[in-house]
Protein backbone atom coordinates (compact mmCIF):
# COMPACT_ATOMS: atom_id res chain seq x y z
CA MET A 1 -7.84 47.07 13.26
CA SER A 2 -4.55 45.32 13.94
CA GLN A 3 -2.64 48.37 12.75
CA PHE A 4 -3.89 50.32 15.78
CA ARG A 5 -3.72 47.61 18.43
CA ALA A 6 -0.78 47.71 20.81
CA LYS A 7 1.81 44.95 20.51
CA LYS A 8 1.29 43.95 24.12
CA LEU A 9 -2.09 44.35 25.80
CA ASP A 10 -2.87 44.13 29.48
CA ILE A 11 -5.72 41.66 29.02
CA GLY A 12 -6.44 41.46 32.75
CA CYS A 13 -8.49 44.66 32.80
CA PHE A 14 -10.76 43.71 29.87
CA VAL A 15 -13.69 41.32 29.98
CA ASN A 16 -13.90 40.26 26.35
CA ALA A 17 -12.74 41.10 22.83
CA ARG A 18 -15.50 43.68 22.35
CA ASN A 19 -14.13 45.73 25.23
CA ILE A 20 -10.62 45.52 23.77
CA ARG A 21 -11.95 46.71 20.41
CA ASP A 22 -13.89 49.55 22.05
CA HIS A 23 -10.82 50.63 24.01
CA THR A 24 -8.77 50.64 20.79
CA LYS A 25 -11.41 52.71 19.00
CA ARG A 26 -11.48 55.27 21.80
CA LYS A 27 -7.68 55.65 21.75
CA VAL A 28 -7.51 55.98 17.97
CA PHE A 29 -10.35 58.52 17.95
CA ALA A 30 -8.61 60.64 20.58
CA GLU A 31 -5.33 60.60 18.63
CA HIS A 32 -6.83 61.57 15.27
CA GLU A 33 -9.56 63.99 16.33
CA PRO A 34 -7.53 67.23 15.86
CA GLU A 35 -6.59 66.17 12.34
CA ARG A 36 -10.20 65.33 11.49
CA GLN A 37 -11.42 68.68 12.81
CA ALA A 38 -8.81 70.55 10.77
CA LEU A 39 -9.86 68.73 7.60
CA ARG A 40 -13.53 69.37 8.32
CA TYR A 41 -12.77 73.07 8.80
CA LEU A 42 -11.01 73.18 5.41
CA ILE A 43 -13.94 71.46 3.72
CA ARG A 44 -16.51 73.88 5.16
CA ASN A 45 -14.47 77.03 4.49
CA THR A 46 -16.01 78.46 1.32
CA SER A 47 -13.34 81.16 0.92
CA LEU A 48 -10.73 78.51 0.05
CA PRO A 49 -10.24 77.29 -3.54
CA GLN A 50 -12.34 74.32 -4.61
CA ARG A 51 -9.23 72.21 -5.27
CA VAL A 52 -7.99 72.55 -1.66
CA ARG A 53 -11.41 71.69 -0.31
CA ALA A 54 -11.65 68.64 -2.59
CA GLN A 55 -8.23 67.40 -1.44
CA ALA A 56 -9.27 67.80 2.19
CA GLN A 57 -12.47 65.86 1.47
CA LEU A 58 -10.45 63.07 -0.15
CA GLN A 59 -8.05 62.88 2.81
CA LEU A 60 -10.94 62.78 5.26
CA SER A 61 -12.71 60.01 3.37
CA GLN A 62 -9.52 57.92 3.24
CA MET A 63 -8.96 58.01 7.00
CA HIS A 64 -9.57 54.79 8.90
CA CYS A 65 -13.09 54.20 10.17
CA TYR A 66 -11.85 53.93 13.78
CA THR A 67 -11.06 57.66 13.69
CA ARG A 68 -14.80 58.47 13.57
CA PHE A 69 -16.82 59.28 16.66
CA THR A 70 -19.71 57.10 15.48
CA GLN A 71 -17.57 53.98 15.91
CA ILE A 72 -17.44 54.42 19.69
CA LYS A 73 -20.12 52.52 21.60
CA ASN A 74 -20.85 52.67 25.30
CA ARG A 75 -20.08 49.28 26.82
CA CYS A 76 -20.24 47.93 30.34
CA ILE A 77 -16.70 47.69 31.69
CA MET A 78 -17.61 44.73 33.88
CA GLY A 79 -19.82 42.63 31.63
CA GLY A 80 -19.16 43.89 28.11
CA LYS A 81 -22.85 44.48 27.37
CA GLY A 82 -23.71 47.15 24.81
CA ARG A 83 -27.25 48.00 25.91
CA GLY A 84 -28.73 49.53 29.02
CA ILE A 85 -25.55 51.39 30.00
CA PHE A 86 -25.37 54.22 32.55
CA SER A 87 -22.82 56.43 30.82
CA ASP A 88 -21.77 58.19 34.04
CA PHE A 89 -20.56 54.90 35.51
CA ARG A 90 -20.01 52.89 32.30
CA LEU A 91 -21.96 50.01 33.85
CA SER A 92 -24.99 48.09 32.67
CA ARG A 93 -28.21 48.32 34.66
CA TYR A 94 -27.65 44.96 36.32
CA GLN A 95 -24.01 45.58 37.25
CA PHE A 96 -24.93 49.06 38.48
CA ARG A 97 -27.56 47.62 40.78
CA ILE A 98 -25.26 44.92 42.16
CA ASN A 99 -22.43 47.37 42.81
CA ALA A 100 -24.72 50.02 44.31
CA LEU A 101 -26.35 47.57 46.72
CA SER A 102 -22.98 46.22 47.83
CA GLY A 103 -21.69 49.77 48.41
CA ASN A 104 -18.98 49.79 45.75
CA LEU A 105 -20.21 53.01 44.11
CA PRO A 106 -19.50 56.05 46.29
CA GLY A 107 -22.39 58.48 46.65
CA VAL A 108 -25.00 56.02 45.37
CA LYS A 109 -27.61 54.61 47.69
CA LYS A 110 -31.00 53.05 47.31
CA ALA A 111 -33.82 55.56 47.30
CA SER A 112 -36.58 55.23 49.85
CA TRP A 113 -39.44 57.62 50.51
């Protein structure tokens, strides 16, 4: 993990270490995604020789785990919680409610009928 982390982090915008780790995972995934897709294309292409496909499979399996999409988890940017997240706002249910009632989320208002 330390190989991907920046030398100097702006800690002020993160709540806890989990959010820093999630931010790092998202950046690493975005950087390495074209390479992963190219390797996956080579592996699935049956017209290529078996040796080339095996080498692509080996390279893909040796890539760091942070380059995988499955490592990314939705987290609340205000509280760091990992469950009950509204993905559109990246807020937990509780933080969403507090911010919506105080008017901090544009276009969101309490429903009444």
